[in-house]
């Protein structure tokens, strides 16, 4: 675990890179009122280059590098933010005062200014996010070392505490069995309305087809008896021979009527 921690501390992450930044000489402060960028001769920067913020472990580093070669001009280690290592000026949001170190114990305060306000905002946010992460890691490590000190969630019942469940609304309400009338199921499981009183359902049972000449259903007010159903059906149209037969019958009928008329004047003795 110690070796892994050492490897994590050696890893250097890049938090922010800004291609244009100016460096100014900062005059000594006469009081504790804070730094003012208006006193820095802003039209005559001492150095111009790029700024890079890196992080190694819990410490952040503000590095001023040459734009072309990447040669390090100055470096400011930051162990706390906000703090003495990085301070904002009182008269602008684009300028800061940082404390640089050379690694031999020598320190100096210089002014840093951004051309764009958005670059100054990103610079500030990058430092805030890093040290927010540092505080979270410290809190997690503290909780891991002392897990019993954290708040516990007690979901148990206290002495004498009861709980009431209302299950009356969970029961399914059913009406009287005599009032319910089953509905016939149609094709495909669909429910159909019941037929009229005294009638029959016109839906055929599943798997059966209705015959081409089905028996008509009995309707109210039009009784159909078996005798009516057994009557002979009308015959086909009469042929030529049948016409002749009926013609003879007509002739015979005609002659009979003539004979009757002739006999009407006879005297019966």
C-alpha atoms as a PDB file:
ATOM      1  CA  UNK A   1       0.000   0.000   0.000  1.00  0.00           C
ATOM      2  CA  UNK A   2       2.828   2.393   0.773  1.00  0.00           C
ATOM      3  CA  UNK A   3       4.417   1.711  -2.614  1.00  0.00           C
ATOM      4  CA  UNK A   4       1.119   2.371  -4.382  1.00  0.00           C
ATOM      5  CA  UNK A   5       0.687   5.634  -2.468  1.00  0.00           C
ATOM      6  CA  UNK A   6       4.164   6.704  -3.480  1.00  0.00           C
ATOM      7  CA  UNK A   7       3.400   5.975  -7.151  1.00  0.00           C
ATOM      8  CA  UNK A   8       0.200   8.038  -6.967  1.00  0.00           C
ATOM      9  CA  UNK A   9       2.111  10.965  -5.479  1.00  0.00           C
ATOM     10  CA  UNK A  10       4.673  10.803  -8.281  1.00  0.00           C
ATOM     11  CA  UNK A  11       1.957  10.980 -10.965  1.00  0.00           C
ATOM     12  CA  UNK A  12       1.590  14.532 -12.291  1.00  0.00           C
ATOM     13  CA  UNK A  13      -1.760  15.595 -13.723  1.00  0.00           C
ATOM     14  CA  UNK A  14      -2.340  18.670 -15.879  1.00  0.00           C
ATOM     15  CA  UNK A  15      -5.264  20.733 -14.613  1.00  0.00           C
ATOM     16  CA  UNK A  16      -5.184  23.807 -16.826  1.00  0.00           C
ATOM     17  CA  UNK A  17      -3.154  25.333 -19.685  1.00  0.00           C
ATOM     18  CA  UNK A  18      -3.373  28.982 -20.813  1.00  0.00           C
ATOM     19  CA  UNK A  19      -1.266  30.081 -23.788  1.00  0.00           C
ATOM     20  CA  UNK A  20      -1.025  33.795 -23.011  1.00  0.00           C
ATOM     21  CA  UNK A  21      -0.053  35.255 -19.632  1.00  0.00           C
ATOM     22  CA  UNK A  22       1.982  38.286 -18.518  1.00  0.00           C
ATOM     23  CA  UNK A  23       4.271  38.636 -15.484  1.00  0.00           C
ATOM     24  CA  UNK A  24       4.743  41.921 -13.587  1.00  0.00           C
ATOM     25  CA  UNK A  25       6.986  43.174 -10.807  1.00  0.00           C
ATOM     26  CA  UNK A  26       5.018  43.779  -7.640  1.00  0.00           C
ATOM     27  CA  UNK A  27       6.001  46.717  -5.415  1.00  0.00           C
ATOM     28  CA  UNK A  28       6.041  46.100  -1.670  1.00  0.00           C
ATOM     29  CA  UNK A  29       2.760  46.668   0.115  1.00  0.00           C
ATOM     30  CA  UNK A  30       2.607  49.689   2.343  1.00  0.00           C
ATOM     31  CA  UNK A  31      -0.326  48.256   4.355  1.00  0.00           C
ATOM     32  CA  UNK A  32      -2.538  45.197   4.690  1.00  0.00           C
ATOM     33  CA  UNK A  33      -5.190  46.568   2.346  1.00  0.00           C
ATOM     34  CA  UNK A  34      -4.239  44.137  -0.441  1.00  0.00           C
ATOM     35  CA  UNK A  35      -2.582  44.294  -3.855  1.00  0.00           C
ATOM     36  CA  UNK A  36      -3.664  46.669  -6.611  1.00  0.00           C
ATOM     37  CA  UNK A  37      -2.940  45.847 -10.261  1.00  0.00           C
ATOM     38  CA  UNK A  38      -3.067  49.562 -11.182  1.00  0.00           C
ATOM     39  CA  UNK A  39       0.333  50.008  -9.468  1.00  0.00           C
ATOM     40  CA  UNK A  40       2.157  47.421 -11.624  1.00  0.00           C
ATOM     41  CA  UNK A  41       2.814  49.325 -14.864  1.00  0.00           C
ATOM     42  CA  UNK A  42       0.550  47.029 -16.870  1.00  0.00           C
ATOM     43  CA  UNK A  43       1.794  48.338 -20.216  1.00  0.00           C
ATOM     44  CA  UNK A  44       5.330  47.056 -19.462  1.00  0.00           C
ATOM     45  CA  UNK A  45       5.186  43.348 -18.483  1.00  0.00           C
ATOM     46  CA  UNK A  46       8.458  41.819 -17.311  1.00  0.00           C
ATOM     47  CA  UNK A  47       7.808  38.499 -19.089  1.00  0.00           C
ATOM     48  CA  UNK A  48       5.192  36.872 -21.339  1.00  0.00           C
ATOM     49  CA  UNK A  49       4.589  33.198 -21.967  1.00  0.00           C
ATOM     50  CA  UNK A  50       2.173  30.370 -21.150  1.00  0.00           C
ATOM     51  CA  UNK A  51       0.812  29.133 -17.825  1.00  0.00           C
ATOM     52  CA  UNK A  52       0.265  25.531 -16.837  1.00  0.00           C
ATOM     53  CA  UNK A  53      -1.298  24.176 -13.623  1.00  0.00           C
ATOM     54  CA  UNK A  54      -0.310  20.651 -12.627  1.00  0.00           C
ATOM     55  CA  UNK A  55      -1.006  18.523  -9.572  1.00  0.00           C
ATOM     56  CA  UNK A  56       1.145  15.906  -7.891  1.00  0.00           C
ATOM     57  CA  UNK A  57      -0.663  14.341  -4.977  1.00  0.00           C
ATOM     58  CA  UNK A  58      -2.214  17.049  -2.842  1.00  0.00           C
ATOM     59  CA  UNK A  59       0.036  19.867  -4.058  1.00  0.00           C
ATOM     60  CA  UNK A  60      -0.716  21.985  -7.141  1.00  0.00           C
ATOM     61  CA  UNK A  61       2.012  23.731  -9.136  1.00  0.00           C
ATOM     62  CA  UNK A  62       1.646  26.933 -11.161  1.00  0.00           C
ATOM     63  CA  UNK A  63       4.294  26.798 -13.877  1.00  0.00           C
ATOM     64  CA  UNK A  64       5.296  29.674 -16.154  1.00  0.00           C
ATOM     65  CA  UNK A  65       6.865  28.289 -19.328  1.00  0.00           C
ATOM     66  CA  UNK A  66       8.190  29.579 -22.631  1.00  0.00           C
ATOM     67  CA  UNK A  67       5.582  29.353 -25.427  1.00  0.00           C
ATOM     68  CA  UNK A  68       7.978  27.814 -27.959  1.00  0.00           C
ATOM     69  CA  UNK A  69      10.514  25.696 -26.098  1.00  0.00           C
ATOM     70  CA  UNK A  70       8.489  24.947 -22.930  1.00  0.00           C
ATOM     71  CA  UNK A  71      11.451  25.994 -20.755  1.00  0.00           C
ATOM     72  CA  UNK A  72      10.432  26.644 -17.152  1.00  0.00           C
ATOM     73  CA  UNK A  73      10.632  30.323 -16.175  1.00  0.00           C
ATOM     74  CA  UNK A  74       9.199  30.139 -12.626  1.00  0.00           C
ATOM     75  CA  UNK A  75       7.144  27.775 -10.462  1.00  0.00           C
ATOM     76  CA  UNK A  76       4.774  28.374  -7.567  1.00  0.00           C
ATOM     77  CA  UNK A  77       3.807  25.373  -5.395  1.00  0.00           C
ATOM     78  CA  UNK A  78       0.322  25.721  -3.879  1.00  0.00           C
ATOM     79  CA  UNK A  79      -0.567  23.677  -0.803  1.00  0.00           C
ATOM     80  CA  UNK A  80      -3.766  25.551   0.079  1.00  0.00           C
ATOM     81  CA  UNK A  81      -6.258  27.655  -1.833  1.00  0.00           C
ATOM     82  CA  UNK A  82      -7.216  30.323  -1.116  1.00  0.00           C
ATOM     83  CA  UNK A  83      -4.019  31.080   0.753  1.00  0.00           C
ATOM     84  CA  UNK A  84      -0.801  33.029   0.733  1.00  0.00           C
ATOM     85  CA  UNK A  85       0.553  31.221  -2.346  1.00  0.00           C
ATOM     86  CA  UNK A  86      -2.176  32.713  -4.606  1.00  0.00           C
ATOM     87  CA  UNK A  87      -3.967  36.002  -3.886  1.00  0.00           C
ATOM     88  CA  UNK A  88      -6.406  38.029  -5.955  1.00  0.00           C
ATOM     89  CA  UNK A  89      -5.966  41.772  -6.428  1.00  0.00           C
ATOM     90  CA  UNK A  90      -8.571  44.172  -5.132  1.00  0.00           C
ATOM     91  CA  UNK A  91      -9.189  46.156  -8.321  1.00  0.00           C
ATOM     92  CA  UNK A  92      -9.492  43.485 -11.079  1.00  0.00           C
ATOM     93  CA  UNK A  93     -10.508  39.868 -11.669  1.00  0.00           C
ATOM     94  CA  UNK A  94      -7.796  39.216 -14.304  1.00  0.00           C
ATOM     95  CA  UNK A  95      -4.736  39.657 -12.075  1.00  0.00           C
ATOM     96  CA  UNK A  96      -3.246  37.588  -9.243  1.00  0.00           C
ATOM     97  CA  UNK A  97      -0.193  37.602  -7.025  1.00  0.00           C
ATOM     98  CA  UNK A  98       1.639  34.251  -6.730  1.00  0.00           C
ATOM     99  CA  UNK A  99       4.567  33.194  -4.582  1.00  0.00           C
ATOM    100  CA  UNK A 100       7.301  31.488  -6.616  1.00  0.00           C
ATOM    101  CA  UNK A 101      10.084  29.274  -5.243  1.00  0.00           C
ATOM    102  CA  UNK A 102      13.369  28.111  -6.744  1.00  0.00           C
ATOM    103  CA  UNK A 103      13.699  24.890  -4.722  1.00  0.00           C
ATOM    104  CA  UNK A 104      16.565  26.279  -2.624  1.00  0.00           C
ATOM    105  CA  UNK A 105      14.389  28.077  -0.088  1.00  0.00           C
ATOM    106  CA  UNK A 106      14.244  31.419  -1.909  1.00  0.00           C
ATOM    107  CA  UNK A 107      10.809  32.934  -2.527  1.00  0.00           C
ATOM    108  CA  UNK A 108       9.440  35.968  -4.316  1.00  0.00           C
ATOM    109  CA  UNK A 109       6.023  37.497  -5.098  1.00  0.00           C
ATOM    110  CA  UNK A 110       5.185  38.334  -8.693  1.00  0.00           C
ATOM    111  CA  UNK A 111       2.074  39.557 -10.463  1.00  0.00           C
ATOM    112  CA  UNK A 112       0.321  37.442 -13.097  1.00  0.00           C
ATOM    113  CA  UNK A 113      -2.260  38.825 -15.527  1.00  0.00           C
ATOM    114  CA  UNK A 114      -4.491  37.245 -18.199  1.00  0.00           C
ATOM    115  CA  UNK A 115      -5.559  38.971 -21.384  1.00  0.00           C
ATOM    116  CA  UNK A 116      -9.001  37.312 -21.335  1.00  0.00           C
ATOM    117  CA  UNK A 117     -11.285  37.264 -18.297  1.00  0.00           C
ATOM    118  CA  UNK A 118     -12.365  33.726 -19.232  1.00  0.00           C
ATOM    119  CA  UNK A 119      -8.754  32.528 -18.817  1.00  0.00           C
ATOM    120  CA  UNK A 120      -8.620  34.108 -15.379  1.00  0.00           C
ATOM    121  CA  UNK A 121     -11.876  32.363 -14.443  1.00  0.00           C
ATOM    122  CA  UNK A 122     -10.542  28.963 -15.594  1.00  0.00           C
ATOM    123  CA  UNK A 123      -7.355  29.532 -13.592  1.00  0.00           C
ATOM    124  CA  UNK A 124      -9.361  30.178 -10.445  1.00  0.00           C
ATOM    125  CA  UNK A 125     -11.753  27.241 -10.963  1.00  0.00           C
ATOM    126  CA  UNK A 126      -8.940  24.758 -11.654  1.00  0.00           C
ATOM    127  CA  UNK A 127      -7.379  25.495  -8.274  1.00  0.00           C
ATOM    128  CA  UNK A 128     -10.740  25.353  -6.492  1.00  0.00           C
ATOM    129  CA  UNK A 129     -11.624  21.959  -7.994  1.00  0.00           C
ATOM    130  CA  UNK A 130      -8.272  20.448  -7.093  1.00  0.00           C
ATOM    131  CA  UNK A 131      -8.411  21.414  -3.443  1.00  0.00           C
ATOM    132  CA  UNK A 132     -12.046  20.370  -3.215  1.00  0.00           C
ATOM    133  CA  UNK A 133     -10.903  16.919  -4.349  1.00  0.00           C
ATOM    134  CA  UNK A 134      -8.128  17.015  -1.733  1.00  0.00           C
ATOM    135  CA  UNK A 135     -10.642  17.700   1.045  1.00  0.00           C
ATOM    136  CA  UNK A 136     -12.897  14.868  -0.145  1.00  0.00           C
ATOM    137  CA  UNK A 137     -10.003  12.409  -0.195  1.00  0.00           C
ATOM    138  CA  UNK A 138      -8.995  13.437   3.305  1.00  0.00           C
ATOM    139  CA  UNK A 139     -12.540  12.931   4.561  1.00  0.00           C
ATOM    140  CA  UNK A 140     -12.788   9.487   2.976  1.00  0.00           C
ATOM    141  CA  UNK A 141      -9.475   8.436   4.458  1.00  0.00           C
ATOM    142  CA  UNK A 142     -10.553   9.614   7.899  1.00  0.00           C
ATOM    143  CA  UNK A 143     -13.809   7.671   7.677  1.00  0.00           C
ATOM    144  CA  UNK A 144     -11.965   4.545   6.542  1.00  0.00           C
ATOM    145  CA  UNK A 145      -9.636   4.708   9.544  1.00  0.00           C
ATOM    146  CA  UNK A 146     -12.470   5.269  12.033  1.00  0.00           C
ATOM    147  CA  UNK A 147     -15.634   3.697  10.603  1.00  0.00           C
ATOM    148  CA  UNK A 148     -17.354   3.638  14.027  1.00  0.00           C
ATOM    149  CA  UNK A 149     -17.261   7.419  14.363  1.00  0.00           C
ATOM    150  CA  UNK A 150     -19.588   8.048  11.445  1.00  0.00           C
ATOM    151  CA  UNK A 151     -23.335   8.466  11.962  1.00  0.00           C
ATOM    152  CA  UNK A 152     -25.329   5.242  11.964  1.00  0.00           C
ATOM    153  CA  UNK A 153     -28.786   4.752  10.556  1.00  0.00           C
ATOM    154  CA  UNK A 154     -31.009   2.944  13.044  1.00  0.00           C
ATOM    155  CA  UNK A 155     -34.083   1.425  11.397  1.00  0.00           C
ATOM    156  CA  UNK A 156     -35.116  -0.737  14.344  1.00  0.00           C
ATOM    157  CA  UNK A 157     -38.293  -0.285  16.378  1.00  0.00           C
ATOM    158  CA  UNK A 158     -37.987   1.591  19.628  1.00  0.00           C
ATOM    159  CA  UNK A 159     -39.328   0.049  22.813  1.00  0.00           C
ATOM    160  CA  UNK A 160     -43.121   0.183  22.794  1.00  0.00           C
ATOM    161  CA  UNK A 161     -43.281   1.397  19.207  1.00  0.00           C
ATOM    162  CA  UNK A 162     -45.915  -0.216  17.011  1.00  0.00           C
ATOM    163  CA  UNK A 163     -46.896  -0.037  13.391  1.00  0.00           C
ATOM    164  CA  UNK A 164     -50.415  -0.154  11.963  1.00  0.00           C
ATOM    165  CA  UNK A 165     -51.281  -1.534   8.551  1.00  0.00           C
ATOM    166  CA  UNK A 166     -54.640  -0.854   6.912  1.00  0.00           C
ATOM    167  CA  UNK A 167     -55.365  -3.798   4.636  1.00  0.00           C
ATOM    168  CA  UNK A 168     -59.132  -3.191   4.291  1.00  0.00           C
ATOM    169  CA  UNK A 169     -58.664  -1.474   0.947  1.00  0.00           C
ATOM    170  CA  UNK A 170     -56.506  -4.327  -0.306  1.00  0.00           C
ATOM    171  CA  UNK A 171     -59.401  -6.849  -0.331  1.00  0.00           C
ATOM    172  CA  UNK A 172     -61.280  -7.253  -3.572  1.00  0.00           C
ATOM    173  CA  UNK A 173     -64.904  -6.292  -3.226  1.00  0.00           C
ATOM    174  CA  UNK A 174     -67.278  -8.872  -4.705  1.00  0.00           C
ATOM    175  CA  UNK A 175     -71.063  -8.447  -5.194  1.00  0.00           C
ATOM    176  CA  UNK A 176     -73.797 -11.077  -4.515  1.00  0.00           C
ATOM    177  CA  UNK A 177     -73.352 -14.196  -6.550  1.00  0.00           C
ATOM    178  CA  UNK A 178     -77.028 -14.264  -7.569  1.00  0.00           C
ATOM    179  CA  UNK A 179     -76.884 -10.836  -9.252  1.00  0.00           C
ATOM    180  CA  UNK A 180     -74.109 -11.689 -11.606  1.00  0.00           C
ATOM    181  CA  UNK A 181     -75.036 -13.048 -15.002  1.00  0.00           C
ATOM    182  CA  UNK A 182     -72.357 -14.759 -17.052  1.00  0.00           C
ATOM    183  CA  UNK A 183     -71.719 -13.460 -20.506  1.00  0.00           C
ATOM    184  CA  UNK A 184     -71.175 -15.835 -23.414  1.00  0.00           C
ATOM    185  CA  UNK A 185     -67.661 -15.855 -24.751  1.00  0.00           C
ATOM    186  CA  UNK A 186     -67.306 -15.087 -28.435  1.00  0.00           C
ATOM    187  CA  UNK A 187     -64.670 -16.031 -30.911  1.00  0.00           C
ATOM    188  CA  UNK A 188     -61.106 -15.364 -29.814  1.00  0.00           C
ATOM    189  CA  UNK A 189     -62.119 -15.059 -26.162  1.00  0.00           C
ATOM    190  CA  UNK A 190     -64.097 -11.804 -26.700  1.00  0.00           C
ATOM    191  CA  UNK A 191     -67.108 -11.216 -24.496  1.00  0.00           C
ATOM    192  CA  UNK A 192     -70.444 -10.785 -26.331  1.00  0.00           C
ATOM    193  CA  UNK A 193     -73.745  -9.355 -25.176  1.00  0.00           C
ATOM    194  CA  UNK A 194     -76.403 -11.935 -24.211  1.00  0.00           C
ATOM    195  CA  UNK A 195     -79.141 -12.683 -26.828  1.00  0.00           C
ATOM    196  CA  UNK A 196     -82.697 -11.273 -26.475  1.00  0.00           C
ATOM    197  CA  UNK A 197     -85.101 -13.159 -24.202  1.00  0.00           C
ATOM    198  CA  UNK A 198     -86.298 -16.366 -25.853  1.00  0.00           C
ATOM    199  CA  UNK A 199     -83.804 -16.038 -28.694  1.00  0.00           C
ATOM    200  CA  UNK A 200     -80.657 -17.892 -29.622  1.00  0.00           C
ATOM    201  CA  UNK A 201     -77.143 -16.639 -30.135  1.00  0.00           C
ATOM    202  CA  UNK A 202     -76.183 -16.350 -33.789  1.00  0.00           C
ATOM    203  CA  UNK A 203     -72.548 -17.143 -33.085  1.00  0.00           C
ATOM    204  CA  UNK A 204     -71.496 -20.663 -34.019  1.00  0.00           C
ATOM    205  CA  UNK A 205     -69.465 -22.740 -31.589  1.00  0.00           C
ATOM    206  CA  UNK A 206     -65.725 -22.681 -32.108  1.00  0.00           C
ATOM    207  CA  UNK A 207     -64.576 -24.899 -34.964  1.00  0.00           C
ATOM    208  CA  UNK A 208     -68.046 -25.190 -36.645  1.00  0.00           C
ATOM    209  CA  UNK A 209     -69.335 -23.467 -39.772  1.00  0.00           C
ATOM    210  CA  UNK A 210     -72.977 -22.482 -40.342  1.00  0.00           C
ATOM    211  CA  UNK A 211     -74.824 -24.543 -42.996  1.00  0.00           C
ATOM    212  CA  UNK A 212     -75.919 -22.843 -46.222  1.00  0.00           C
ATOM    213  CA  UNK A 213     -79.630 -23.430 -45.385  1.00  0.00           C
ATOM    214  CA  UNK A 214     -79.918 -22.977 -41.660  1.00  0.00           C
ATOM    215  CA  UNK A 215     -83.155 -23.143 -39.698  1.00  0.00           C
ATOM    216  CA  UNK A 216     -84.454 -19.606 -39.111  1.00  0.00           C
ATOM    217  CA  UNK A 217     -84.401 -18.500 -35.536  1.00  0.00           C
ATOM    218  CA  UNK A 218     -87.707 -18.130 -33.751  1.00  0.00           C
ATOM    219  CA  UNK A 219     -88.443 -14.441 -33.132  1.00  0.00           C
ATOM    220  CA  UNK A 220     -90.988 -13.033 -30.685  1.00  0.00           C
ATOM    221  CA  UNK A 221     -94.457 -12.558 -32.263  1.00  0.00           C
ATOM    222  CA  UNK A 222     -93.729 -14.749 -35.371  1.00  0.00           C
ATOM    223  CA  UNK A 223     -94.115 -18.380 -34.272  1.00  0.00           C
ATOM    224  CA  UNK A 224     -92.876 -20.963 -36.764  1.00  0.00           C
ATOM    225  CA  UNK A 225     -94.110 -24.510 -36.172  1.00  0.00           C
ATOM    226  CA  UNK A 226     -92.789 -27.813 -37.446  1.00  0.00           C
ATOM    227  CA  UNK A 227     -95.798 -28.198 -39.750  1.00  0.00           C
ATOM    228  CA  UNK A 228     -94.915 -25.026 -41.590  1.00  0.00           C
ATOM    229  CA  UNK A 229     -91.347 -26.188 -41.986  1.00  0.00           C
ATOM    230  CA  UNK A 230     -92.612 -29.549 -43.435  1.00  0.00           C
ATOM    231  CA  UNK A 231     -94.675 -27.949 -46.210  1.00  0.00           C
ATOM    232  CA  UNK A 232     -93.563 -28.896 -49.743  1.00  0.00           C
ATOM    233  CA  UNK A 233     -91.543 -26.275 -51.516  1.00  0.00           C
ATOM    234  CA  UNK A 234     -92.809 -24.707 -54.776  1.00  0.00           C
ATOM    235  CA  UNK A 235     -91.992 -26.806 -57.894  1.00  0.00           C
ATOM    236  CA  UNK A 236     -89.938 -25.580 -60.780  1.00  0.00           C
ATOM    237  CA  UNK A 237     -91.457 -23.692 -63.726  1.00  0.00           C
ATOM    238  CA  UNK A 238     -93.855 -25.884 -65.829  1.00  0.00           C
ATOM    239  CA  UNK A 239     -92.502 -27.415 -69.030  1.00  0.00           C
ATOM    240  CA  UNK A 240     -94.149 -27.471 -72.495  1.00  0.00           C
ATOM    241  CA  UNK A 241     -95.850 -30.829 -71.830  1.00  0.00           C
ATOM    242  CA  UNK A 242     -97.382 -29.480 -68.670  1.00  0.00           C
ATOM    243  CA  UNK A 243     -98.674 -26.524 -70.605  1.00  0.00           C
ATOM    244  CA  UNK A 244    -100.450 -28.830 -73.008  1.00  0.00           C
ATOM    245  CA  UNK A 245    -102.032 -30.788 -70.171  1.00  0.00           C
ATOM    246  CA  UNK A 246    -103.361 -27.617 -68.614  1.00  0.00           C
ATOM    247  CA  UNK A 247    -104.526 -26.645 -72.104  1.00  0.00           C
ATOM    248  CA  UNK A 248    -106.588 -29.813 -72.420  1.00  0.00           C
ATOM    249  CA  UNK A 249    -107.980 -29.184 -68.978  1.00  0.00           C
ATOM    250  CA  UNK A 250    -108.909 -25.674 -70.080  1.00  0.00           C
ATOM    251  CA  UNK A 251    -110.570 -27.029 -73.242  1.00  0.00           C
ATOM    252  CA  UNK A 252    -112.492 -29.605 -71.254  1.00  0.00           C
ATOM    253  CA  UNK A 253    -113.600 -26.931 -68.863  1.00  0.00           C
ATOM    254  CA  UNK A 254    -114.713 -24.768 -71.778  1.00  0.00           C
ATOM    255  CA  UNK A 255    -116.766 -27.548 -73.428  1.00  0.00           C
ATOM    256  CA  UNK A 256    -118.412 -28.394 -70.127  1.00  0.00           C
ATOM    257  CA  UNK A 257    -119.519 -24.852 -69.606  1.00  0.00           C
ATOM    258  CA  UNK A 258    -120.910 -24.735 -73.197  1.00  0.00           C
ATOM    259  CA  UNK A 259    -122.829 -27.938 -72.630  1.00  0.00           C
ATOM    260  CA  UNK A 260    -124.321 -26.516 -69.479  1.00  0.00           C
ATOM    261  CA  UNK A 261    -125.439 -23.426 -71.300  1.00  0.00           C
ATOM    262  CA  UNK A 262    -127.047 -25.596 -74.065  1.00  0.00           C
ATOM    263  CA  UNK A 263    -128.873 -27.736 -71.544  1.00  0.00           C
ATOM    264  CA  UNK A 264    -130.206 -24.677 -69.825  1.00  0.00           C
ATOM    265  CA  UNK A 265    -133.135 -24.504 -72.302  1.00  0.00           C
ATOM    266  CA  UNK A 266    -134.089 -28.178 -72.158  1.00  0.00           C
ATOM    267  CA  UNK A 267    -137.381 -29.273 -70.614  1.00  0.00           C
ATOM    268  CA  UNK A 268    -137.028 -32.171 -68.256  1.00  0.00           C
ATOM    269  CA  UNK A 269    -139.893 -34.649 -68.178  1.00  0.00           C
END
